[in-house]
């Protein structure tokens, strides 16, 4: 089964998503911030990353895509951004990591699992 990396500062969210995806047979890894998450992406080379997205005005102590989106070693890894923002995220890099999709927060674990499966099916 594919491996998935969850990068989110909220331990409850990480646990909820991990539990649902592990039930479906995915290998799940978690990190609590963008810096350790980026290191995990490079080390683990997951099939998909779920990333807590914050906008540019928010404090940088949470999971952040800034490093992720500008690192060429991660640019081909599929990415699902988890966001409480209604608007689409704006990337700082010339182009976003590909493929990228967003999922609104709060979210249904079942709906998120379906989105994960759909993204992985598209890139297989």
PDB file of N, CA and C in Angstrom:
ATOM      1  N   UNK A   1       0.835  -1.194   0.000  1.00  0.00           N
ATOM      2  CA  UNK A   1       0.000   0.000   0.000  1.00  0.00           C
ATOM      3  C   UNK A   1       0.873   1.248   0.000  1.00  0.00           C
ATOM      4  N   UNK A   2       0.376   2.331  -0.553  1.00  0.00           N
ATOM      5  CA  UNK A   2       1.133   3.579  -0.583  1.00  0.00           C
ATOM      6  C   UNK A   2       1.410   4.131   0.821  1.00  0.00           C
ATOM      7  N   UNK A   3       2.473   4.915   0.916  1.00  0.00           N
ATOM      8  CA  UNK A   3       2.799   5.569   2.180  1.00  0.00           C
ATOM      9  C   UNK A   3       2.341   7.021   2.122  1.00  0.00           C
ATOM     10  N   UNK A   4       1.873   7.501   3.258  1.00  0.00           N
ATOM     11  CA  UNK A   4       1.344   8.855   3.359  1.00  0.00           C
ATOM     12  C   UNK A   4       2.012   9.547   4.538  1.00  0.00           C
ATOM     13  N   UNK A   5       2.409  10.786   4.327  1.00  0.00           N
ATOM     14  CA  UNK A   5       2.986  11.607   5.381  1.00  0.00           C
ATOM     15  C   UNK A   5       1.996  12.706   5.722  1.00  0.00           C
ATOM     16  N   UNK A   6       1.658  12.820   7.005  1.00  0.00           N
ATOM     17  CA  UNK A   6       0.763  13.872   7.494  1.00  0.00           C
ATOM     18  C   UNK A   6       1.619  14.892   8.227  1.00  0.00           C
ATOM     19  N   UNK A   7       1.516  16.163   7.826  1.00  0.00           N
ATOM     20  CA  UNK A   7       2.243  17.241   8.496  1.00  0.00           C
ATOM     21  C   UNK A   7       1.202  18.213   9.035  1.00  0.00           C
ATOM     22  N   UNK A   8       1.037  18.198  10.348  1.00  0.00           N
ATOM     23  CA  UNK A   8       0.031  19.043  10.994  1.00  0.00           C
ATOM     24  C   UNK A   8       0.462  19.280  12.428  1.00  0.00           C
ATOM     25  N   UNK A   9       0.290  20.492  12.926  1.00  0.00           N
ATOM     26  CA  UNK A   9       0.708  20.804  14.288  1.00  0.00           C
ATOM     27  C   UNK A   9      -0.276  20.289  15.335  1.00  0.00           C
ATOM     28  N   UNK A  10      -1.471  19.928  14.952  1.00  0.00           N
ATOM     29  CA  UNK A  10      -2.488  19.476  15.895  1.00  0.00           C
ATOM     30  C   UNK A  10      -2.419  17.956  16.063  1.00  0.00           C
ATOM     31  N   UNK A  11      -2.025  17.475  17.262  1.00  0.00           N
ATOM     32  CA  UNK A  11      -1.891  16.027  17.462  1.00  0.00           C
ATOM     33  C   UNK A  11      -3.213  15.271  17.296  1.00  0.00           C
ATOM     34  N   UNK A  12      -4.324  15.913  17.631  1.00  0.00           N
ATOM     35  CA  UNK A  12      -5.621  15.251  17.474  1.00  0.00           C
ATOM     36  C   UNK A  12      -5.960  15.036  16.004  1.00  0.00           C
ATOM     37  N   UNK A  13      -5.650  16.033  15.176  1.00  0.00           N
ATOM     38  CA  UNK A  13      -5.894  15.908  13.735  1.00  0.00           C
ATOM     39  C   UNK A  13      -5.003  14.817  13.159  1.00  0.00           C
ATOM     40  N   UNK A  14      -3.719  14.830  13.537  1.00  0.00           N
ATOM     41  CA  UNK A  14      -2.801  13.788  13.048  1.00  0.00           C
ATOM     42  C   UNK A  14      -3.304  12.399  13.429  1.00  0.00           C
ATOM     43  N   UNK A  15      -3.747  12.250  14.658  1.00  0.00           N
ATOM     44  CA  UNK A  15      -4.234  10.950  15.123  1.00  0.00           C
ATOM     45  C   UNK A  15      -5.503  10.528  14.383  1.00  0.00           C
ATOM     46  N   UNK A  16      -6.433  11.450  14.195  1.00  0.00           N
ATOM     47  CA  UNK A  16      -7.689  11.153  13.498  1.00  0.00           C
ATOM     48  C   UNK A  16      -7.434  10.697  12.064  1.00  0.00           C
ATOM     49  N   UNK A  17      -6.614  11.464  11.346  1.00  0.00           N
ATOM     50  CA  UNK A  17      -6.329  11.122   9.955  1.00  0.00           C
ATOM     51  C   UNK A  17      -5.546   9.816   9.876  1.00  0.00           C
ATOM     52  N   UNK A  18      -4.552   9.671  10.749  1.00  0.00           N
ATOM     53  CA  UNK A  18      -3.744   8.441  10.765  1.00  0.00           C
ATOM     54  C   UNK A  18      -4.623   7.217  10.980  1.00  0.00           C
ATOM     55  N   UNK A  19      -5.507   7.294  11.947  1.00  0.00           N
ATOM     56  CA  UNK A  19      -6.371   6.164  12.265  1.00  0.00           C
ATOM     57  C   UNK A  19      -7.202   5.751  11.053  1.00  0.00           C
ATOM     58  N   UNK A  20      -7.827   6.725  10.393  1.00  0.00           N
ATOM     59  CA  UNK A  20      -8.678   6.426   9.240  1.00  0.00           C
ATOM     60  C   UNK A  20      -7.866   5.824   8.094  1.00  0.00           C
ATOM     61  N   UNK A  21      -6.718   6.409   7.802  1.00  0.00           N
ATOM     62  CA  UNK A  21      -5.916   5.918   6.683  1.00  0.00           C
ATOM     63  C   UNK A  21      -5.283   4.558   6.981  1.00  0.00           C
ATOM     64  N   UNK A  22      -4.888   4.323   8.219  1.00  0.00           N
ATOM     65  CA  UNK A  22      -4.351   3.013   8.590  1.00  0.00           C
ATOM     66  C   UNK A  22      -5.432   1.937   8.484  1.00  0.00           C
ATOM     67  N   UNK A  23      -6.677   2.295   8.810  1.00  0.00           N
ATOM     68  CA  UNK A  23      -7.796   1.353   8.644  1.00  0.00           C
ATOM     69  C   UNK A  23      -7.922   0.909   7.190  1.00  0.00           C
ATOM     70  N   UNK A  24      -7.581   1.798   6.275  1.00  0.00           N
ATOM     71  CA  UNK A  24      -7.676   1.487   4.852  1.00  0.00           C
ATOM     72  C   UNK A  24      -6.430   0.770   4.336  1.00  0.00           C
ATOM     73  N   UNK A  25      -5.450   0.569   5.211  1.00  0.00           N
ATOM     74  CA  UNK A  25      -4.258  -0.171   4.838  1.00  0.00           C
ATOM     75  C   UNK A  25      -3.075   0.660   4.402  1.00  0.00           C
ATOM     76  N   UNK A  26      -3.161   1.983   4.512  1.00  0.00           N
ATOM     77  CA  UNK A  26      -2.046   2.837   4.140  1.00  0.00           C
ATOM     78  C   UNK A  26      -0.971   2.807   5.222  1.00  0.00           C
ATOM     79  N   UNK A  27       0.277   2.976   4.802  1.00  0.00           N
ATOM     80  CA  UNK A  27       1.381   3.171   5.731  1.00  0.00           C
ATOM     81  C   UNK A  27       1.414   4.668   6.025  1.00  0.00           C
ATOM     82  N   UNK A  28       1.272   5.039   7.295  1.00  0.00           N
ATOM     83  CA  UNK A  28       1.142   6.448   7.653  1.00  0.00           C
ATOM     84  C   UNK A  28       2.294   6.886   8.556  1.00  0.00           C
ATOM     85  N   UNK A  29       2.856   8.055   8.234  1.00  0.00           N
ATOM     86  CA  UNK A  29       3.885   8.703   9.042  1.00  0.00           C
ATOM     87  C   UNK A  29       3.374  10.100   9.369  1.00  0.00           C
ATOM     88  N   UNK A  30       3.796  10.644  10.511  1.00  0.00           N
ATOM     89  CA  UNK A  30       3.341  11.980  10.885  1.00  0.00           C
ATOM     90  C   UNK A  30       4.506  12.846  11.352  1.00  0.00           C
ATOM     91  N   UNK A  31       4.345  14.142  11.129  1.00  0.00           N
ATOM     92  CA  UNK A  31       5.270  15.156  11.639  1.00  0.00           C
ATOM     93  C   UNK A  31       4.438  16.341  12.102  1.00  0.00           C
ATOM     94  N   UNK A  32       5.002  17.118  13.031  1.00  0.00           N
ATOM     95  CA  UNK A  32       4.234  18.200  13.646  1.00  0.00           C
ATOM     96  C   UNK A  32       4.527  19.587  13.098  1.00  0.00           C
ATOM     97  N   UNK A  33       5.527  19.729  12.220  1.00  0.00           N
ATOM     98  CA  UNK A  33       5.809  21.057  11.663  1.00  0.00           C
ATOM     99  C   UNK A  33       6.441  20.924  10.282  1.00  0.00           C
ATOM    100  N   UNK A  34       6.495  22.041   9.600  1.00  0.00           N
ATOM    101  CA  UNK A  34       6.988  22.052   8.223  1.00  0.00           C
ATOM    102  C   UNK A  34       8.445  21.652   8.089  1.00  0.00           C
ATOM    103  N   UNK A  35       9.275  22.066   9.036  1.00  0.00           N
ATOM    104  CA  UNK A  35      10.707  21.760   8.942  1.00  0.00           C
ATOM    105  C   UNK A  35      10.970  20.258   9.060  1.00  0.00           C
ATOM    106  N   UNK A  36      10.413  19.621  10.089  1.00  0.00           N
ATOM    107  CA  UNK A  36      10.606  18.171  10.233  1.00  0.00           C
ATOM    108  C   UNK A  36       9.834  17.421   9.164  1.00  0.00           C
ATOM    109  N   UNK A  37       8.739  18.004   8.721  1.00  0.00           N
ATOM    110  CA  UNK A  37       7.971  17.391   7.641  1.00  0.00           C
ATOM    111  C   UNK A  37       8.749  17.335   6.346  1.00  0.00           C
ATOM    112  N   UNK A  38       9.438  18.422   6.019  1.00  0.00           N
ATOM    113  CA  UNK A  38      10.244  18.454   4.797  1.00  0.00           C
ATOM    114  C   UNK A  38      11.364  17.419   4.872  1.00  0.00           C
ATOM    115  N   UNK A  39      12.002  17.321   6.037  1.00  0.00           N
ATOM    116  CA  UNK A  39      13.060  16.314   6.207  1.00  0.00           C
ATOM    117  C   UNK A  39      12.487  14.910   6.030  1.00  0.00           C
ATOM    118  N   UNK A  40      11.281  14.687   6.559  1.00  0.00           N
ATOM    119  CA  UNK A  40      10.636  13.371   6.429  1.00  0.00           C
ATOM    120  C   UNK A  40      10.279  13.073   4.975  1.00  0.00           C
ATOM    121  N   UNK A  41       9.849  14.082   4.234  1.00  0.00           N
ATOM    122  CA  UNK A  41       9.532  13.887   2.813  1.00  0.00           C
ATOM    123  C   UNK A  41      10.779  13.413   2.073  1.00  0.00           C
ATOM    124  N   UNK A  42      11.887  14.066   2.337  1.00  0.00           N
ATOM    125  CA  UNK A  42      13.122  13.699   1.639  1.00  0.00           C
ATOM    126  C   UNK A  42      13.622  12.321   2.069  1.00  0.00           C
ATOM    127  N   UNK A  43      13.448  11.977   3.336  1.00  0.00           N
ATOM    128  CA  UNK A  43      13.912  10.672   3.823  1.00  0.00           C
ATOM    129  C   UNK A  43      12.972   9.544   3.419  1.00  0.00           C
ATOM    130  N   UNK A  44      11.677   9.727   3.622  1.00  0.00           N
ATOM    131  CA  UNK A  44      10.697   8.659   3.408  1.00  0.00           C
ATOM    132  C   UNK A  44      10.253   8.538   1.953  1.00  0.00           C
ATOM    133  N   UNK A  45      10.280   9.644   1.220  1.00  0.00           N
ATOM    134  CA  UNK A  45       9.759   9.701  -0.139  1.00  0.00           C
ATOM    135  C   UNK A  45       8.353   9.086  -0.208  1.00  0.00           C
ATOM    136  N   UNK A  46       7.403   9.680   0.527  1.00  0.00           N
ATOM    137  CA  UNK A  46       6.046   9.130   0.565  1.00  0.00           C
ATOM    138  C   UNK A  46       5.350   9.256  -0.786  1.00  0.00           C
ATOM    139  N   UNK A  47       4.286   8.491  -0.940  1.00  0.00           N
ATOM    140  CA  UNK A  47       3.493   8.554  -2.167  1.00  0.00           C
ATOM    141  C   UNK A  47       2.560   9.761  -2.174  1.00  0.00           C
ATOM    142  N   UNK A  48       2.283  10.312  -0.976  1.00  0.00           N
ATOM    143  CA  UNK A  48       1.372  11.442  -0.841  1.00  0.00           C
ATOM    144  C   UNK A  48       1.680  12.165   0.461  1.00  0.00           C
ATOM    145  N   UNK A  49       1.539  13.489   0.442  1.00  0.00           N
ATOM    146  CA  UNK A  49       1.694  14.300   1.650  1.00  0.00           C
ATOM    147  C   UNK A  49       0.387  15.034   1.916  1.00  0.00           C
ATOM    148  N   UNK A  50      -0.087  14.956   3.166  1.00  0.00           N
ATOM    149  CA  UNK A  50      -1.211  15.763   3.633  1.00  0.00           C
ATOM    150  C   UNK A  50      -0.599  16.859   4.486  1.00  0.00           C
ATOM    151  N   UNK A  51      -0.790  18.112   4.100  1.00  0.00           N
ATOM    152  CA  UNK A  51      -0.111  19.228   4.738  1.00  0.00           C
ATOM    153  C   UNK A  51      -1.102  20.244   5.266  1.00  0.00           C
ATOM    154  N   UNK A  52      -0.979  20.567   6.541  1.00  0.00           N
ATOM    155  CA  UNK A  52      -1.764  21.638   7.139  1.00  0.00           C
ATOM    156  C   UNK A  52      -1.316  22.946   6.498  1.00  0.00           C
ATOM    157  N   UNK A  53      -2.235  23.618   5.808  1.00  0.00           N
ATOM    158  CA  UNK A  53      -1.904  24.845   5.092  1.00  0.00           C
ATOM    159  C   UNK A  53      -2.299  26.052   5.915  1.00  0.00           C
ATOM    160  N   UNK A  54      -1.392  27.027   5.997  1.00  0.00           N
ATOM    161  CA  UNK A  54      -1.708  28.314   6.616  1.00  0.00           C
ATOM    162  C   UNK A  54      -1.378  29.394   5.605  1.00  0.00           C
ATOM    163  N   UNK A  55      -2.036  30.528   5.732  1.00  0.00           N
ATOM    164  CA  UNK A  55      -1.756  31.583   4.758  1.00  0.00           C
ATOM    165  C   UNK A  55      -0.515  32.376   5.169  1.00  0.00           C
ATOM    166  N   UNK A  56      -0.074  33.231   4.317  1.00  0.00           N
ATOM    167  CA  UNK A  56       1.186  33.945   4.506  1.00  0.00           C
ATOM    168  C   UNK A  56       1.191  34.836   5.748  1.00  0.00           C
ATOM    169  N   UNK A  57       0.035  35.292   6.190  1.00  0.00           N
ATOM    170  CA  UNK A  57      -0.015  36.188   7.350  1.00  0.00           C
ATOM    171  C   UNK A  57       0.029  35.434   8.675  1.00  0.00           C
ATOM    172  N   UNK A  58      -0.168  34.129   8.658  1.00  0.00           N
ATOM    173  CA  UNK A  58      -0.221  33.358   9.895  1.00  0.00           C
ATOM    174  C   UNK A  58       1.175  33.113  10.447  1.00  0.00           C
ATOM    175  N   UNK A  59       1.273  32.879  11.754  1.00  0.00           N
ATOM    176  CA  UNK A  59       2.582  32.583  12.343  1.00  0.00           C
ATOM    177  C   UNK A  59       3.192  31.333  11.720  1.00  0.00           C
ATOM    178  N   UNK A  60       4.492  31.261  11.658  1.00  0.00           N
ATOM    179  CA  UNK A  60       5.199  30.157  11.011  1.00  0.00           C
ATOM    180  C   UNK A  60       5.491  28.986  11.946  1.00  0.00           C
ATOM    181  N   UNK A  61       4.808  28.867  13.058  1.00  0.00           N
ATOM    182  CA  UNK A  61       5.106  27.774  13.982  1.00  0.00           C
ATOM    183  C   UNK A  61       4.298  26.516  13.681  1.00  0.00           C
ATOM    184  N   UNK A  62       3.540  26.538  12.636  1.00  0.00           N
ATOM    185  CA  UNK A  62       2.729  25.379  12.259  1.00  0.00           C
ATOM    186  C   UNK A  62       3.277  24.761  10.990  1.00  0.00           C
ATOM    187  N   UNK A  63       2.631  23.677  10.547  1.00  0.00           N
ATOM    188  CA  UNK A  63       3.027  23.070   9.279  1.00  0.00           C
ATOM    189  C   UNK A  63       2.932  24.120   8.187  1.00  0.00           C
ATOM    190  N   UNK A  64       3.909  24.178   7.332  1.00  0.00           N
ATOM    191  CA  UNK A  64       3.923  25.208   6.307  1.00  0.00           C
ATOM    192  C   UNK A  64       4.443  24.648   5.000  1.00  0.00           C
ATOM    193  N   UNK A  65       3.896  25.108   3.902  1.00  0.00           N
ATOM    194  CA  UNK A  65       4.313  24.627   2.586  1.00  0.00           C
ATOM    195  C   UNK A  65       5.448  25.449   2.007  1.00  0.00           C
ATOM    196  N   UNK A  66       5.888  26.515   2.670  1.00  0.00           N
ATOM    197  CA  UNK A  66       6.908  27.380   2.090  1.00  0.00           C
ATOM    198  C   UNK A  66       8.147  26.615   1.660  1.00  0.00           C
ATOM    199  N   UNK A  67       8.716  25.806   2.537  1.00  0.00           N
ATOM    200  CA  UNK A  67       9.908  25.034   2.181  1.00  0.00           C
ATOM    201  C   UNK A  67       9.546  23.928   1.212  1.00  0.00           C
ATOM    202  N   UNK A  68       8.420  23.291   1.448  1.00  0.00           N
ATOM    203  CA  UNK A  68       7.998  22.169   0.615  1.00  0.00           C
ATOM    204  C   UNK A  68       7.879  22.578  -0.847  1.00  0.00           C
ATOM    205  N   UNK A  69       7.222  23.684  -1.090  1.00  0.00           N
ATOM    206  CA  UNK A  69       6.921  24.074  -2.461  1.00  0.00           C
ATOM    207  C   UNK A  69       8.134  24.550  -3.233  1.00  0.00           C
ATOM    208  N   UNK A  70       9.202  24.943  -2.554  1.00  0.00           N
ATOM    209  CA  UNK A  70      10.365  25.457  -3.258  1.00  0.00           C
ATOM    210  C   UNK A  70      11.481  24.435  -3.380  1.00  0.00           C
ATOM    211  N   UNK A  71      11.304  23.240  -2.826  1.00  0.00           N
ATOM    212  CA  UNK A  71      12.349  22.220  -2.866  1.00  0.00           C
ATOM    213  C   UNK A  71      12.108  21.290  -4.051  1.00  0.00           C
ATOM    214  N   UNK A  72      13.050  21.210  -4.992  1.00  0.00           N
ATOM    215  CA  UNK A  72      12.840  20.392  -6.186  1.00  0.00           C
ATOM    216  C   UNK A  72      12.707  18.903  -5.887  1.00  0.00           C
ATOM    217  N   UNK A  73      13.224  18.439  -4.747  1.00  0.00           N
ATOM    218  CA  UNK A  73      13.114  17.008  -4.436  1.00  0.00           C
ATOM    219  C   UNK A  73      11.704  16.623  -4.026  1.00  0.00           C
ATOM    220  N   UNK A  74      10.879  17.601  -3.657  1.00  0.00           N
ATOM    221  CA  UNK A  74       9.509  17.301  -3.240  1.00  0.00           C
ATOM    222  C   UNK A  74       8.478  17.684  -4.280  1.00  0.00           C
ATOM    223  N   UNK A  75       8.870  18.349  -5.342  1.00  0.00           N
ATOM    224  CA  UNK A  75       7.898  18.934  -6.269  1.00  0.00           C
ATOM    225  C   UNK A  75       7.057  17.919  -7.025  1.00  0.00           C
ATOM    226  N   UNK A  76       7.511  16.677  -7.143  1.00  0.00           N
ATOM    227  CA  UNK A  76       6.732  15.678  -7.873  1.00  0.00           C
ATOM    228  C   UNK A  76       5.798  14.891  -6.965  1.00  0.00           C
ATOM    229  N   UNK A  77       5.953  15.005  -5.669  1.00  0.00           N
ATOM    230  CA  UNK A  77       5.125  14.247  -4.721  1.00  0.00           C
ATOM    231  C   UNK A  77       3.734  14.878  -4.636  1.00  0.00           C
ATOM    232  N   UNK A  78       2.678  14.081  -4.818  1.00  0.00           N
ATOM    233  CA  UNK A  78       1.322  14.620  -4.689  1.00  0.00           C
ATOM    234  C   UNK A  78       1.105  15.223  -3.303  1.00  0.00           C
ATOM    235  N   UNK A  79       0.317  16.260  -3.258  1.00  0.00           N
ATOM    236  CA  UNK A  79       0.116  17.036  -2.043  1.00  0.00           C
ATOM    237  C   UNK A  79      -1.353  17.382  -1.884  1.00  0.00           C
ATOM    238  N   UNK A  80      -1.891  17.114  -0.699  1.00  0.00           N
ATOM    239  CA  UNK A  80      -3.226  17.585  -0.351  1.00  0.00           C
ATOM    240  C   UNK A  80      -3.048  18.591   0.771  1.00  0.00           C
ATOM    241  N   UNK A  81      -3.511  19.814   0.543  1.00  0.00           N
ATOM    242  CA  UNK A  81      -3.431  20.863   1.545  1.00  0.00           C
ATOM    243  C   UNK A  81      -4.710  20.862   2.367  1.00  0.00           C
ATOM    244  N   UNK A  82      -4.557  20.759   3.678  1.00  0.00           N
ATOM    245  CA  UNK A  82      -5.689  20.843   4.588  1.00  0.00           C
ATOM    246  C   UNK A  82      -5.778  22.284   5.064  1.00  0.00           C
ATOM    247  N   UNK A  83      -6.902  22.934   4.802  1.00  0.00           N
ATOM    248  CA  UNK A  83      -6.999  24.357   5.110  1.00  0.00           C
ATOM    249  C   UNK A  83      -8.366  24.742   5.654  1.00  0.00           C
ATOM    250  N   UNK A  84      -8.353  25.664   6.596  1.00  0.00           N
ATOM    251  CA  UNK A  84      -9.603  26.224   7.116  1.00  0.00           C
ATOM    252  C   UNK A  84      -9.984  27.465   6.327  1.00  0.00           C
ATOM    253  N   UNK A  85      -9.112  27.894   5.437  1.00  0.00           N
ATOM    254  CA  UNK A  85      -9.368  29.073   4.614  1.00  0.00           C
ATOM    255  C   UNK A  85     -10.290  28.717   3.463  1.00  0.00           C
ATOM    256  N   UNK A  86     -11.198  29.613   3.155  1.00  0.00           N
ATOM    257  CA  UNK A  86     -12.139  29.367   2.067  1.00  0.00           C
ATOM    258  C   UNK A  86     -11.493  29.581   0.706  1.00  0.00           C
ATOM    259  N   UNK A  87     -10.479  30.432   0.644  1.00  0.00           N
ATOM    260  CA  UNK A  87      -9.867  30.735  -0.646  1.00  0.00           C
ATOM    261  C   UNK A  87      -8.758  29.752  -0.971  1.00  0.00           C
ATOM    262  N   UNK A  88      -8.468  29.627  -2.243  1.00  0.00           N
ATOM    263  CA  UNK A  88      -7.379  28.773  -2.693  1.00  0.00           C
ATOM    264  C   UNK A  88      -6.058  29.343  -2.193  1.00  0.00           C
ATOM    265  N   UNK A  89      -5.121  28.491  -1.807  1.00  0.00           N
ATOM    266  CA  UNK A  89      -3.831  28.991  -1.344  1.00  0.00           C
ATOM    267  C   UNK A  89      -3.034  29.642  -2.468  1.00  0.00           C
ATOM    268  N   UNK A  90      -2.193  30.583  -2.095  1.00  0.00           N
ATOM    269  CA  UNK A  90      -1.290  31.229  -3.036  1.00  0.00           C
ATOM    270  C   UNK A  90       0.106  30.709  -2.767  1.00  0.00           C
ATOM    271  N   UNK A  91       0.791  30.244  -3.784  1.00  0.00           N
ATOM    272  CA  UNK A  91       2.135  29.703  -3.628  1.00  0.00           C
ATOM    273  C   UNK A  91       3.159  30.788  -3.871  1.00  0.00           C
ATOM    274  N   UNK A  92       4.277  30.710  -3.146  1.00  0.00           N
ATOM    275  CA  UNK A  92       5.366  31.654  -3.331  1.00  0.00           C
ATOM    276  C   UNK A  92       6.246  31.275  -4.512  1.00  0.00           C
ATOM    277  N   UNK A  93       6.312  29.998  -4.816  1.00  0.00           N
ATOM    278  CA  UNK A  93       7.168  29.526  -5.901  1.00  0.00           C
ATOM    279  C   UNK A  93       6.529  29.863  -7.255  1.00  0.00           C
ATOM    280  N   UNK A  94       7.302  29.724  -8.303  1.00  0.00           N
ATOM    281  CA  UNK A  94       6.795  30.010  -9.646  1.00  0.00           C
ATOM    282  C   UNK A  94       5.615  29.126  -9.996  1.00  0.00           C
ATOM    283  N   UNK A  95       5.631  27.890  -9.536  1.00  0.00           N
ATOM    284  CA  UNK A  95       4.494  27.005  -9.753  1.00  0.00           C
ATOM    285  C   UNK A  95       4.356  26.099  -8.549  1.00  0.00           C
ATOM    286  N   UNK A  96       3.132  25.675  -8.224  1.00  0.00           N
ATOM    287  CA  UNK A  96       2.920  24.839  -7.054  1.00  0.00           C
ATOM    288  C   UNK A  96       3.436  23.424  -7.272  1.00  0.00           C
ATOM    289  N   UNK A  97       3.640  22.698  -6.173  1.00  0.00           N
ATOM    290  CA  UNK A  97       3.980  21.294  -6.320  1.00  0.00           C
ATOM    291  C   UNK A  97       2.868  20.609  -7.097  1.00  0.00           C
ATOM    292  N   UNK A  98       3.196  19.581  -7.829  1.00  0.00           N
ATOM    293  CA  UNK A  98       2.179  18.949  -8.657  1.00  0.00           C
ATOM    294  C   UNK A  98       2.103  17.469  -8.364  1.00  0.00           C
ATOM    295  N   UNK A  99       0.965  16.881  -8.364  1.00  0.00           N
ATOM    296  CA  UNK A  99      -0.336  17.547  -8.355  1.00  0.00           C
ATOM    297  C   UNK A  99      -0.685  18.019  -6.948  1.00  0.00           C
ATOM    298  N   UNK A 100      -1.451  19.089  -6.868  1.00  0.00           N
ATOM    299  CA  UNK A 100      -1.848  19.662  -5.591  1.00  0.00           C
ATOM    300  C   UNK A 100      -3.357  19.824  -5.576  1.00  0.00           C
ATOM    301  N   UNK A 101      -3.959  19.509  -4.435  1.00  0.00           N
ATOM    302  CA  UNK A 101      -5.383  19.716  -4.252  1.00  0.00           C
ATOM    303  C   UNK A 101      -5.598  20.217  -2.835  1.00  0.00           C
ATOM    304  N   UNK A 102      -6.755  20.788  -2.561  1.00  0.00           N
ATOM    305  CA  UNK A 102      -7.041  21.272  -1.214  1.00  0.00           C
ATOM    306  C   UNK A 102      -8.241  20.541  -0.649  1.00  0.00           C
ATOM    307  N   UNK A 103      -8.294  20.510   0.675  1.00  0.00           N
ATOM    308  CA  UNK A 103      -9.428  19.940   1.388  1.00  0.00           C
ATOM    309  C   UNK A 103      -9.760  20.888   2.524  1.00  0.00           C
ATOM    310  N   UNK A 104     -11.013  21.277   2.621  1.00  0.00           N
ATOM    311  CA  UNK A 104     -11.428  22.225   3.649  1.00  0.00           C
ATOM    312  C   UNK A 104     -11.403  21.580   5.022  1.00  0.00           C
ATOM    313  N   UNK A 105     -11.107  22.400   6.014  1.00  0.00           N
ATOM    314  CA  UNK A 105     -11.125  21.976   7.399  1.00  0.00           C
ATOM    315  C   UNK A 105     -12.187  22.821   8.089  1.00  0.00           C
ATOM    316  N   UNK A 106     -13.043  22.275   8.918  1.00  0.00           N
ATOM    317  CA  UNK A 106     -13.091  20.866   9.319  1.00  0.00           C
ATOM    318  C   UNK A 106     -13.498  19.965   8.160  1.00  0.00           C
ATOM    319  N   UNK A 107     -13.131  18.708   8.283  1.00  0.00           N
ATOM    320  CA  UNK A 107     -13.366  17.761   7.211  1.00  0.00           C
ATOM    321  C   UNK A 107     -13.920  16.462   7.787  1.00  0.00           C
ATOM    322  N   UNK A 108     -14.525  15.697   6.924  1.00  0.00           N
ATOM    323  CA  UNK A 108     -14.984  14.366   7.272  1.00  0.00           C
ATOM    324  C   UNK A 108     -13.828  13.411   7.003  1.00  0.00           C
ATOM    325  N   UNK A 109     -13.440  12.576   7.976  1.00  0.00           N
ATOM    326  CA  UNK A 109     -12.369  11.616   7.723  1.00  0.00           C
ATOM    327  C   UNK A 109     -12.659  10.716   6.524  1.00  0.00           C
ATOM    328  N   UNK A 110     -13.911  10.337   6.350  1.00  0.00           N
ATOM    329  CA  UNK A 110     -14.291   9.494   5.219  1.00  0.00           C
ATOM    330  C   UNK A 110     -14.097  10.240   3.899  1.00  0.00           C
ATOM    331  N   UNK A 111     -14.500  11.506   3.866  1.00  0.00           N
ATOM    332  CA  UNK A 111     -14.337  12.325   2.651  1.00  0.00           C
ATOM    333  C   UNK A 111     -12.855  12.534   2.338  1.00  0.00           C
ATOM    334  N   UNK A 112     -12.062  12.788   3.367  1.00  0.00           N
ATOM    335  CA  UNK A 112     -10.626  12.975   3.151  1.00  0.00           C
ATOM    336  C   UNK A 112      -9.985  11.686   2.638  1.00  0.00           C
ATOM    337  N   UNK A 113     -10.383  10.550   3.199  1.00  0.00           N
ATOM    338  CA  UNK A 113      -9.856   9.258   2.731  1.00  0.00           C
ATOM    339  C   UNK A 113     -10.205   9.044   1.259  1.00  0.00           C
ATOM    340  N   UNK A 114     -11.408   9.407   0.861  1.00  0.00           N
ATOM    341  CA  UNK A 114     -11.809   9.288  -0.544  1.00  0.00           C
ATOM    342  C   UNK A 114     -10.956  10.189  -1.435  1.00  0.00           C
ATOM    343  N   UNK A 115     -10.661  11.392  -0.954  1.00  0.00           N
ATOM    344  CA  UNK A 115      -9.829  12.320  -1.717  1.00  0.00           C
ATOM    345  C   UNK A 115      -8.403  11.770  -1.853  1.00  0.00           C
ATOM    346  N   UNK A 116      -7.885  11.189  -0.771  1.00  0.00           N
ATOM    347  CA  UNK A 116      -6.553  10.562  -0.809  1.00  0.00           C
ATOM    348  C   UNK A 116      -6.530   9.465  -1.871  1.00  0.00           C
ATOM    349  N   UNK A 117      -7.526   8.599  -1.849  1.00  0.00           N
ATOM    350  CA  UNK A 117      -7.585   7.507  -2.821  1.00  0.00           C
ATOM    351  C   UNK A 117      -7.670   8.043  -4.255  1.00  0.00           C
ATOM    352  N   UNK A 118      -8.455   9.117  -4.440  1.00  0.00           N
ATOM    353  CA  UNK A 118      -8.613   9.688  -5.772  1.00  0.00           C
ATOM    354  C   UNK A 118      -7.296  10.293  -6.280  1.00  0.00           C
ATOM    355  N   UNK A 119      -6.586  11.005  -5.432  1.00  0.00           N
ATOM    356  CA  UNK A 119      -5.318  11.605  -5.837  1.00  0.00           C
ATOM    357  C   UNK A 119      -4.317  10.503  -6.173  1.00  0.00           C
ATOM    358  N   UNK A 120      -4.235   9.484  -5.342  1.00  0.00           N
ATOM    359  CA  UNK A 120      -3.292   8.398  -5.604  1.00  0.00           C
ATOM    360  C   UNK A 120      -3.652   7.641  -6.889  1.00  0.00           C
ATOM    361  N   UNK A 121      -4.936   7.514  -7.167  1.00  0.00           N
ATOM    362  CA  UNK A 121      -5.355   6.830  -8.410  1.00  0.00           C
ATOM    363  C   UNK A 121      -4.941   7.659  -9.631  1.00  0.00           C
ATOM    364  N   UNK A 122      -5.007   8.983  -9.530  1.00  0.00           N
ATOM    365  CA  UNK A 122      -4.638   9.858 -10.648  1.00  0.00           C
ATOM    366  C   UNK A 122      -3.149   9.803 -10.958  1.00  0.00           C
ATOM    367  N   UNK A 123      -2.338   9.615  -9.933  1.00  0.00           N
ATOM    368  CA  UNK A 123      -0.888   9.666 -10.152  1.00  0.00           C
ATOM    369  C   UNK A 123      -0.276   8.280 -10.386  1.00  0.00           C
ATOM    370  N   UNK A 124      -1.058   7.249 -10.253  1.00  0.00           N
ATOM    371  CA  UNK A 124      -0.541   5.894 -10.468  1.00  0.00           C
ATOM    372  C   UNK A 124      -0.380   5.594 -11.933  1.00  0.00           C
TER     373      UNK A 124
END
